[in-house]
């Protein structure tokens, strides 16, 4: 009985993690394409220098990259199961 549940669960996990990776990559592409709108100069912010804006963009990029790598590793492990 456990083997039947496990086999049904593996196919569902494959589908869910594939969709999650596709959505996560799409959101990353959207953020990259809209980066000027999100990370350019804001006249309402004091001391908004280029270095600070670049650091904000790097912070988002590092977090997104790390989460993407985790999702891809999980997806790989699920497809190998």
PDB file of N, CA and C in Angstrom:
ATOM      1  N   UNK A   1       0.822  -1.186   0.000  1.00  0.00           N
ATOM      2  CA  UNK A   1       0.000   0.000   0.000  1.00  0.00           C
ATOM      3  C   UNK A   1       0.870   1.255   0.000  1.00  0.00           C
ATOM      4  N   UNK A   2       1.948   1.235   0.756  1.00  0.00           N
ATOM      5  CA  UNK A   2       2.833   2.403   0.809  1.00  0.00           C
ATOM      6  C   UNK A   2       3.484   2.633  -0.548  1.00  0.00           C
ATOM      7  N   UNK A   3       3.827   1.555  -1.249  1.00  0.00           N
ATOM      8  CA  UNK A   3       4.446   1.705  -2.567  1.00  0.00           C
ATOM      9  C   UNK A   3       3.494   2.364  -3.553  1.00  0.00           C
ATOM     10  N   UNK A   4       2.210   2.052  -3.476  1.00  0.00           N
ATOM     11  CA  UNK A   4       1.224   2.664  -4.369  1.00  0.00           C
ATOM     12  C   UNK A   4       1.090   4.155  -4.070  1.00  0.00           C
ATOM     13  N   UNK A   5       1.051   4.494  -2.789  1.00  0.00           N
ATOM     14  CA  UNK A   5       0.956   5.905  -2.403  1.00  0.00           C
ATOM     15  C   UNK A   5       2.207   6.649  -2.840  1.00  0.00           C
ATOM     16  N   UNK A   6       3.360   6.021  -2.681  1.00  0.00           N
ATOM     17  CA  UNK A   6       4.608   6.672  -3.052  1.00  0.00           C
ATOM     18  C   UNK A   6       4.661   6.932  -4.558  1.00  0.00           C
ATOM     19  N   UNK A   7       4.252   5.967  -5.373  1.00  0.00           N
ATOM     20  CA  UNK A   7       4.270   6.154  -6.821  1.00  0.00           C
ATOM     21  C   UNK A   7       3.308   7.261  -7.263  1.00  0.00           C
ATOM     22  N   UNK A   8       2.156   7.340  -6.641  1.00  0.00           N
ATOM     23  CA  UNK A   8       1.210   8.402  -6.980  1.00  0.00           C
ATOM     24  C   UNK A   8       1.756   9.754  -6.536  1.00  0.00           C
ATOM     25  N   UNK A   9       2.443   9.775  -5.417  1.00  0.00           N
ATOM     26  CA  UNK A   9       3.001  11.023  -4.902  1.00  0.00           C
ATOM     27  C   UNK A   9       4.146  11.538  -5.745  1.00  0.00           C
ATOM     28  N   UNK A  10       4.958  10.661  -6.291  1.00  0.00           N
ATOM     29  CA  UNK A  10       6.106  11.077  -7.092  1.00  0.00           C
ATOM     30  C   UNK A  10       5.649  11.812  -8.347  1.00  0.00           C
ATOM     31  N   UNK A  11       4.653  11.317  -9.019  1.00  0.00           N
ATOM     32  CA  UNK A  11       4.182  11.999 -10.236  1.00  0.00           C
ATOM     33  C   UNK A  11       3.569  13.357  -9.897  1.00  0.00           C
ATOM     34  N   UNK A  12       2.862  13.440  -8.778  1.00  0.00           N
ATOM     35  CA  UNK A  12       2.300  14.733  -8.364  1.00  0.00           C
ATOM     36  C   UNK A  12       3.414  15.709  -7.998  1.00  0.00           C
ATOM     37  N   UNK A  13       4.448  15.222  -7.308  1.00  0.00           N
ATOM     38  CA  UNK A  13       5.570  16.095  -6.962  1.00  0.00           C
ATOM     39  C   UNK A  13       6.312  16.573  -8.203  1.00  0.00           C
ATOM     40  N   UNK A  14       6.468  15.701  -9.171  1.00  0.00           N
ATOM     41  CA  UNK A  14       7.120  16.105 -10.424  1.00  0.00           C
ATOM     42  C   UNK A  14       6.357  17.238 -11.082  1.00  0.00           C
ATOM     43  N   UNK A  15       5.053  17.098 -11.150  1.00  0.00           N
ATOM     44  CA  UNK A  15       4.230  18.119 -11.789  1.00  0.00           C
ATOM     45  C   UNK A  15       4.294  19.434 -11.007  1.00  0.00           C
ATOM     46  N   UNK A  16       4.151  19.364  -9.703  1.00  0.00           N
ATOM     47  CA  UNK A  16       4.121  20.576  -8.880  1.00  0.00           C
ATOM     48  C   UNK A  16       5.449  21.311  -8.932  1.00  0.00           C
ATOM     49  N   UNK A  17       6.558  20.599  -8.793  1.00  0.00           N
ATOM     50  CA  UNK A  17       7.849  21.280  -8.804  1.00  0.00           C
ATOM     51  C   UNK A  17       8.222  21.786 -10.194  1.00  0.00           C
ATOM     52  N   UNK A  18       7.790  21.112 -11.246  1.00  0.00           N
ATOM     53  CA  UNK A  18       8.023  21.627 -12.593  1.00  0.00           C
ATOM     54  C   UNK A  18       7.274  22.934 -12.789  1.00  0.00           C
ATOM     55  N   UNK A  19       6.025  22.982 -12.376  1.00  0.00           N
ATOM     56  CA  UNK A  19       5.240  24.212 -12.481  1.00  0.00           C
ATOM     57  C   UNK A  19       5.838  25.312 -11.605  1.00  0.00           C
ATOM     58  N   UNK A  20       6.295  24.958 -10.398  1.00  0.00           N
ATOM     59  CA  UNK A  20       6.884  25.951  -9.502  1.00  0.00           C
ATOM     60  C   UNK A  20       8.151  26.563 -10.098  1.00  0.00           C
ATOM     61  N   UNK A  21       8.996  25.734 -10.705  1.00  0.00           N
ATOM     62  CA  UNK A  21      10.223  26.246 -11.318  1.00  0.00           C
ATOM     63  C   UNK A  21       9.886  27.145 -12.498  1.00  0.00           C
ATOM     64  N   UNK A  22       8.926  26.762 -13.310  1.00  0.00           N
ATOM     65  CA  UNK A  22       8.528  27.584 -14.454  1.00  0.00           C
ATOM     66  C   UNK A  22       7.984  28.927 -13.985  1.00  0.00           C
ATOM     67  N   UNK A  23       7.135  28.926 -12.973  1.00  0.00           N
ATOM     68  CA  UNK A  23       6.587  30.174 -12.443  1.00  0.00           C
ATOM     69  C   UNK A  23       7.690  31.029 -11.842  1.00  0.00           C
ATOM     70  N   UNK A  24       8.581  30.409 -11.073  1.00  0.00           N
ATOM     71  CA  UNK A  24       9.651  31.160 -10.429  1.00  0.00           C
ATOM     72  C   UNK A  24      10.581  31.781 -11.467  1.00  0.00           C
ATOM     73  N   UNK A  25      10.906  31.053 -12.528  1.00  0.00           N
ATOM     74  CA  UNK A  25      11.740  31.616 -13.592  1.00  0.00           C
ATOM     75  C   UNK A  25      11.018  32.737 -14.327  1.00  0.00           C
ATOM     76  N   UNK A  26       9.716  32.591 -14.531  1.00  0.00           N
ATOM     77  CA  UNK A  26       8.938  33.637 -15.185  1.00  0.00           C
ATOM     78  C   UNK A  26       8.914  34.918 -14.355  1.00  0.00           C
ATOM     79  N   UNK A  27       8.758  34.776 -13.059  1.00  0.00           N
ATOM     80  CA  UNK A  27       8.780  35.944 -12.178  1.00  0.00           C
ATOM     81  C   UNK A  27      10.156  36.607 -12.213  1.00  0.00           C
ATOM     82  N   UNK A  28      11.213  35.824 -12.238  1.00  0.00           N
ATOM     83  CA  UNK A  28      12.560  36.383 -12.334  1.00  0.00           C
ATOM     84  C   UNK A  28      12.774  37.139 -13.629  1.00  0.00           C
ATOM     85  N   UNK A  29      12.279  36.600 -14.728  1.00  0.00           N
ATOM     86  CA  UNK A  29      12.384  37.294 -16.015  1.00  0.00           C
ATOM     87  C   UNK A  29      11.573  38.586 -15.992  1.00  0.00           C
ATOM     88  N   UNK A  30      10.389  38.543 -15.385  1.00  0.00           N
ATOM     89  CA  UNK A  30       9.567  39.746 -15.273  1.00  0.00           C
ATOM     90  C   UNK A  30      10.283  40.823 -14.452  1.00  0.00           C
ATOM     91  N   UNK A  31      10.865  40.443 -13.331  1.00  0.00           N
ATOM     92  CA  UNK A  31      11.579  41.409 -12.500  1.00  0.00           C
ATOM     93  C   UNK A  31      12.784  41.965 -13.253  1.00  0.00           C
ATOM     94  N   UNK A  32      13.490  41.122 -13.989  1.00  0.00           N
ATOM     95  CA  UNK A  32      14.641  41.596 -14.755  1.00  0.00           C
ATOM     96  C   UNK A  32      14.210  42.586 -15.834  1.00  0.00           C
ATOM     97  N   UNK A  33      13.111  42.309 -16.499  1.00  0.00           N
ATOM     98  CA  UNK A  33      12.642  43.204 -17.556  1.00  0.00           C
ATOM     99  C   UNK A  33      12.117  44.524 -16.997  1.00  0.00           C
ATOM    100  N   UNK A  34      11.598  44.517 -15.785  1.00  0.00           N
ATOM    101  CA  UNK A  34      11.061  45.723 -15.150  1.00  0.00           C
ATOM    102  C   UNK A  34      12.039  46.328 -14.141  1.00  0.00           C
ATOM    103  N   UNK A  35      13.325  45.945 -14.207  1.00  0.00           N
ATOM    104  CA  UNK A  35      14.287  46.365 -13.188  1.00  0.00           C
ATOM    105  C   UNK A  35      14.451  47.880 -13.125  1.00  0.00           C
ATOM    106  N   UNK A  36      14.308  48.582 -14.238  1.00  0.00           N
ATOM    107  CA  UNK A  36      14.440  50.040 -14.209  1.00  0.00           C
ATOM    108  C   UNK A  36      13.288  50.674 -13.445  1.00  0.00           C
ATOM    109  N   UNK A  37      12.132  50.102 -13.574  1.00  0.00           N
ATOM    110  CA  UNK A  37      10.979  50.607 -12.830  1.00  0.00           C
ATOM    111  C   UNK A  37      11.129  50.330 -11.337  1.00  0.00           C
ATOM    112  N   UNK A  38      11.699  49.199 -10.981  1.00  0.00           N
ATOM    113  CA  UNK A  38      11.818  48.811  -9.574  1.00  0.00           C
ATOM    114  C   UNK A  38      13.054  49.397  -8.885  1.00  0.00           C
ATOM    115  N   UNK A  39      14.176  49.533  -9.607  1.00  0.00           N
ATOM    116  CA  UNK A  39      15.452  49.852  -8.965  1.00  0.00           C
ATOM    117  C   UNK A  39      16.087  51.152  -9.422  1.00  0.00           C
ATOM    118  N   UNK A  40      15.433  51.957 -10.248  1.00  0.00           N
ATOM    119  CA  UNK A  40      16.009  53.228 -10.656  1.00  0.00           C
ATOM    120  C   UNK A  40      15.838  54.285  -9.573  1.00  0.00           C
ATOM    121  N   UNK A  41      16.322  55.471  -9.864  1.00  0.00           N
ATOM    122  CA  UNK A  41      16.316  56.563  -8.896  1.00  0.00           C
ATOM    123  C   UNK A  41      14.899  56.919  -8.480  1.00  0.00           C
ATOM    124  N   UNK A  42      14.731  57.115  -7.182  1.00  0.00           N
ATOM    125  CA  UNK A  42      13.446  57.543  -6.619  1.00  0.00           C
ATOM    126  C   UNK A  42      13.639  58.930  -6.025  1.00  0.00           C
ATOM    127  N   UNK A  43      12.971  59.952  -6.566  1.00  0.00           N
ATOM    128  CA  UNK A  43      13.180  61.315  -6.063  1.00  0.00           C
ATOM    129  C   UNK A  43      12.688  61.511  -4.623  1.00  0.00           C
ATOM    130  N   UNK A  44      11.846  60.634  -4.120  1.00  0.00           N
ATOM    131  CA  UNK A  44      11.329  60.774  -2.756  1.00  0.00           C
ATOM    132  C   UNK A  44      12.255  60.185  -1.698  1.00  0.00           C
ATOM    133  N   UNK A  45      13.304  59.469  -2.124  1.00  0.00           N
ATOM    134  CA  UNK A  45      14.214  58.812  -1.187  1.00  0.00           C
ATOM    135  C   UNK A  45      15.482  59.652  -1.053  1.00  0.00           C
ATOM    136  N   UNK A  46      15.834  59.954   0.182  1.00  0.00           N
ATOM    137  CA  UNK A  46      17.043  60.727   0.446  1.00  0.00           C
ATOM    138  C   UNK A  46      18.263  59.821   0.333  1.00  0.00           C
ATOM    139  N   UNK A  47      19.356  60.338  -0.189  1.00  0.00           N
ATOM    140  CA  UNK A  47      20.618  59.606  -0.380  1.00  0.00           C
ATOM    141  C   UNK A  47      20.443  58.376  -1.266  1.00  0.00           C
ATOM    142  N   UNK A  48      19.663  58.506  -2.313  1.00  0.00           N
ATOM    143  CA  UNK A  48      19.452  57.397  -3.247  1.00  0.00           C
ATOM    144  C   UNK A  48      20.530  57.464  -4.327  1.00  0.00           C
ATOM    145  N   UNK A  49      21.716  56.992  -3.985  1.00  0.00           N
ATOM    146  CA  UNK A  49      22.859  57.048  -4.896  1.00  0.00           C
ATOM    147  C   UNK A  49      22.920  55.742  -5.690  1.00  0.00           C
ATOM    148  N   UNK A  50      23.647  55.742  -6.801  1.00  0.00           N
ATOM    149  CA  UNK A  50      23.708  54.525  -7.632  1.00  0.00           C
ATOM    150  C   UNK A  50      24.205  53.285  -6.901  1.00  0.00           C
ATOM    151  N   UNK A  51      25.120  53.444  -5.965  1.00  0.00           N
ATOM    152  CA  UNK A  51      25.648  52.286  -5.240  1.00  0.00           C
ATOM    153  C   UNK A  51      24.554  51.623  -4.415  1.00  0.00           C
ATOM    154  N   UNK A  52      23.713  52.415  -3.779  1.00  0.00           N
ATOM    155  CA  UNK A  52      22.619  51.870  -2.962  1.00  0.00           C
ATOM    156  C   UNK A  52      21.619  51.139  -3.850  1.00  0.00           C
ATOM    157  N   UNK A  53      21.299  51.727  -4.997  1.00  0.00           N
ATOM    158  CA  UNK A  53      20.368  51.074  -5.921  1.00  0.00           C
ATOM    159  C   UNK A  53      20.941  49.762  -6.436  1.00  0.00           C
ATOM    160  N   UNK A  54      22.232  49.764  -6.735  1.00  0.00           N
ATOM    161  CA  UNK A  54      22.877  48.528  -7.204  1.00  0.00           C
ATOM    162  C   UNK A  54      22.868  47.461  -6.111  1.00  0.00           C
ATOM    163  N   UNK A  55      23.114  47.862  -4.878  1.00  0.00           N
ATOM    164  CA  UNK A  55      23.089  46.904  -3.765  1.00  0.00           C
ATOM    165  C   UNK A  55      21.702  46.319  -3.560  1.00  0.00           C
ATOM    166  N   UNK A  56      20.663  47.124  -3.717  1.00  0.00           N
ATOM    167  CA  UNK A  56      19.294  46.600  -3.599  1.00  0.00           C
ATOM    168  C   UNK A  56      19.029  45.558  -4.679  1.00  0.00           C
ATOM    169  N   UNK A  57      19.459  45.851  -5.903  1.00  0.00           N
ATOM    170  CA  UNK A  57      19.242  44.910  -6.991  1.00  0.00           C
ATOM    171  C   UNK A  57      20.039  43.626  -6.765  1.00  0.00           C
ATOM    172  N   UNK A  58      21.274  43.749  -6.276  1.00  0.00           N
ATOM    173  CA  UNK A  58      22.076  42.549  -5.986  1.00  0.00           C
ATOM    174  C   UNK A  58      21.437  41.695  -4.901  1.00  0.00           C
ATOM    175  N   UNK A  59      20.875  42.337  -3.889  1.00  0.00           N
ATOM    176  CA  UNK A  59      20.235  41.597  -2.798  1.00  0.00           C
ATOM    177  C   UNK A  59      19.068  40.763  -3.325  1.00  0.00           C
ATOM    178  N   UNK A  60      18.226  41.356  -4.137  1.00  0.00           N
ATOM    179  CA  UNK A  60      17.101  40.628  -4.728  1.00  0.00           C
ATOM    180  C   UNK A  60      17.618  39.514  -5.630  1.00  0.00           C
ATOM    181  N   UNK A  61      18.656  39.801  -6.399  1.00  0.00           N
ATOM    182  CA  UNK A  61      19.211  38.805  -7.320  1.00  0.00           C
ATOM    183  C   UNK A  61      19.798  37.612  -6.573  1.00  0.00           C
ATOM    184  N   UNK A  62      20.518  37.858  -5.480  1.00  0.00           N
ATOM    185  CA  UNK A  62      21.100  36.754  -4.706  1.00  0.00           C
ATOM    186  C   UNK A  62      20.028  35.874  -4.081  1.00  0.00           C
ATOM    187  N   UNK A  63      19.005  36.485  -3.516  1.00  0.00           N
ATOM    188  CA  UNK A  63      17.927  35.701  -2.897  1.00  0.00           C
ATOM    189  C   UNK A  63      17.191  34.900  -3.964  1.00  0.00           C
ATOM    190  N   UNK A  64      16.865  35.541  -5.094  1.00  0.00           N
ATOM    191  CA  UNK A  64      16.156  34.851  -6.164  1.00  0.00           C
ATOM    192  C   UNK A  64      17.007  33.710  -6.718  1.00  0.00           C
ATOM    193  N   UNK A  65      18.300  33.938  -6.899  1.00  0.00           N
ATOM    194  CA  UNK A  65      19.182  32.892  -7.427  1.00  0.00           C
ATOM    195  C   UNK A  65      19.264  31.705  -6.473  1.00  0.00           C
ATOM    196  N   UNK A  66      19.388  31.989  -5.189  1.00  0.00           N
ATOM    197  CA  UNK A  66      19.454  30.911  -4.202  1.00  0.00           C
ATOM    198  C   UNK A  66      18.185  30.085  -4.173  1.00  0.00           C
ATOM    199  N   UNK A  67      17.041  30.756  -4.179  1.00  0.00           N
ATOM    200  CA  UNK A  67      15.776  30.029  -4.176  1.00  0.00           C
ATOM    201  C   UNK A  67      15.573  29.243  -5.467  1.00  0.00           C
ATOM    202  N   UNK A  68      16.015  29.795  -6.583  1.00  0.00           N
ATOM    203  CA  UNK A  68      15.910  29.077  -7.852  1.00  0.00           C
ATOM    204  C   UNK A  68      16.780  27.824  -7.836  1.00  0.00           C
ATOM    205  N   UNK A  69      17.992  27.940  -7.310  1.00  0.00           N
ATOM    206  CA  UNK A  69      18.862  26.763  -7.223  1.00  0.00           C
ATOM    207  C   UNK A  69      18.257  25.686  -6.334  1.00  0.00           C
ATOM    208  N   UNK A  70      17.652  26.084  -5.233  1.00  0.00           N
ATOM    209  CA  UNK A  70      17.006  25.109  -4.346  1.00  0.00           C
ATOM    210  C   UNK A  70      15.870  24.406  -5.082  1.00  0.00           C
ATOM    211  N   UNK A  71      15.031  25.170  -5.777  1.00  0.00           N
ATOM    212  CA  UNK A  71      13.918  24.560  -6.512  1.00  0.00           C
ATOM    213  C   UNK A  71      14.414  23.631  -7.617  1.00  0.00           C
ATOM    214  N   UNK A  72      15.450  24.029  -8.330  1.00  0.00           N
ATOM    215  CA  UNK A  72      15.986  23.188  -9.400  1.00  0.00           C
ATOM    216  C   UNK A  72      16.585  21.903  -8.819  1.00  0.00           C
ATOM    217  N   UNK A  73      17.272  21.996  -7.683  1.00  0.00           N
ATOM    218  CA  UNK A  73      17.833  20.792  -7.045  1.00  0.00           C
ATOM    219  C   UNK A  73      16.726  19.839  -6.592  1.00  0.00           C
ATOM    220  N   UNK A  74      15.676  20.393  -6.017  1.00  0.00           N
ATOM    221  CA  UNK A  74      14.546  19.550  -5.603  1.00  0.00           C
ATOM    222  C   UNK A  74      13.886  18.928  -6.824  1.00  0.00           C
ATOM    223  N   UNK A  75      13.707  19.707  -7.882  1.00  0.00           N
ATOM    224  CA  UNK A  75      13.110  19.181  -9.105  1.00  0.00           C
ATOM    225  C   UNK A  75      13.963  18.057  -9.680  1.00  0.00           C
ATOM    226  N   UNK A  76      15.270  18.225  -9.686  1.00  0.00           N
ATOM    227  CA  UNK A  76      16.166  17.182 -10.175  1.00  0.00           C
ATOM    228  C   UNK A  76      16.046  15.916  -9.334  1.00  0.00           C
ATOM    229  N   UNK A  77      16.008  16.086  -8.027  1.00  0.00           N
ATOM    230  CA  UNK A  77      15.895  14.923  -7.134  1.00  0.00           C
ATOM    231  C   UNK A  77      14.560  14.198  -7.331  1.00  0.00           C
ATOM    232  N   UNK A  78      13.505  14.945  -7.546  1.00  0.00           N
ATOM    233  CA  UNK A  78      12.185  14.333  -7.752  1.00  0.00           C
ATOM    234  C   UNK A  78      12.149  13.577  -9.074  1.00  0.00           C
ATOM    235  N   UNK A  79      12.744  14.138 -10.120  1.00  0.00           N
ATOM    236  CA  UNK A  79      12.736  13.466 -11.414  1.00  0.00           C
ATOM    237  C   UNK A  79      13.654  12.246 -11.433  1.00  0.00           C
ATOM    238  N   UNK A  80      14.650  12.214 -10.555  1.00  0.00           N
ATOM    239  CA  UNK A  80      15.528  11.041 -10.468  1.00  0.00           C
ATOM    240  C   UNK A  80      14.903   9.920  -9.643  1.00  0.00           C
ATOM    241  N   UNK A  81      13.893  10.242  -8.858  1.00  0.00           N
ATOM    242  CA  UNK A  81      13.268   9.234  -7.979  1.00  0.00           C
ATOM    243  C   UNK A  81      12.460   8.229  -8.760  1.00  0.00           C
TER     244      UNK A  81
END
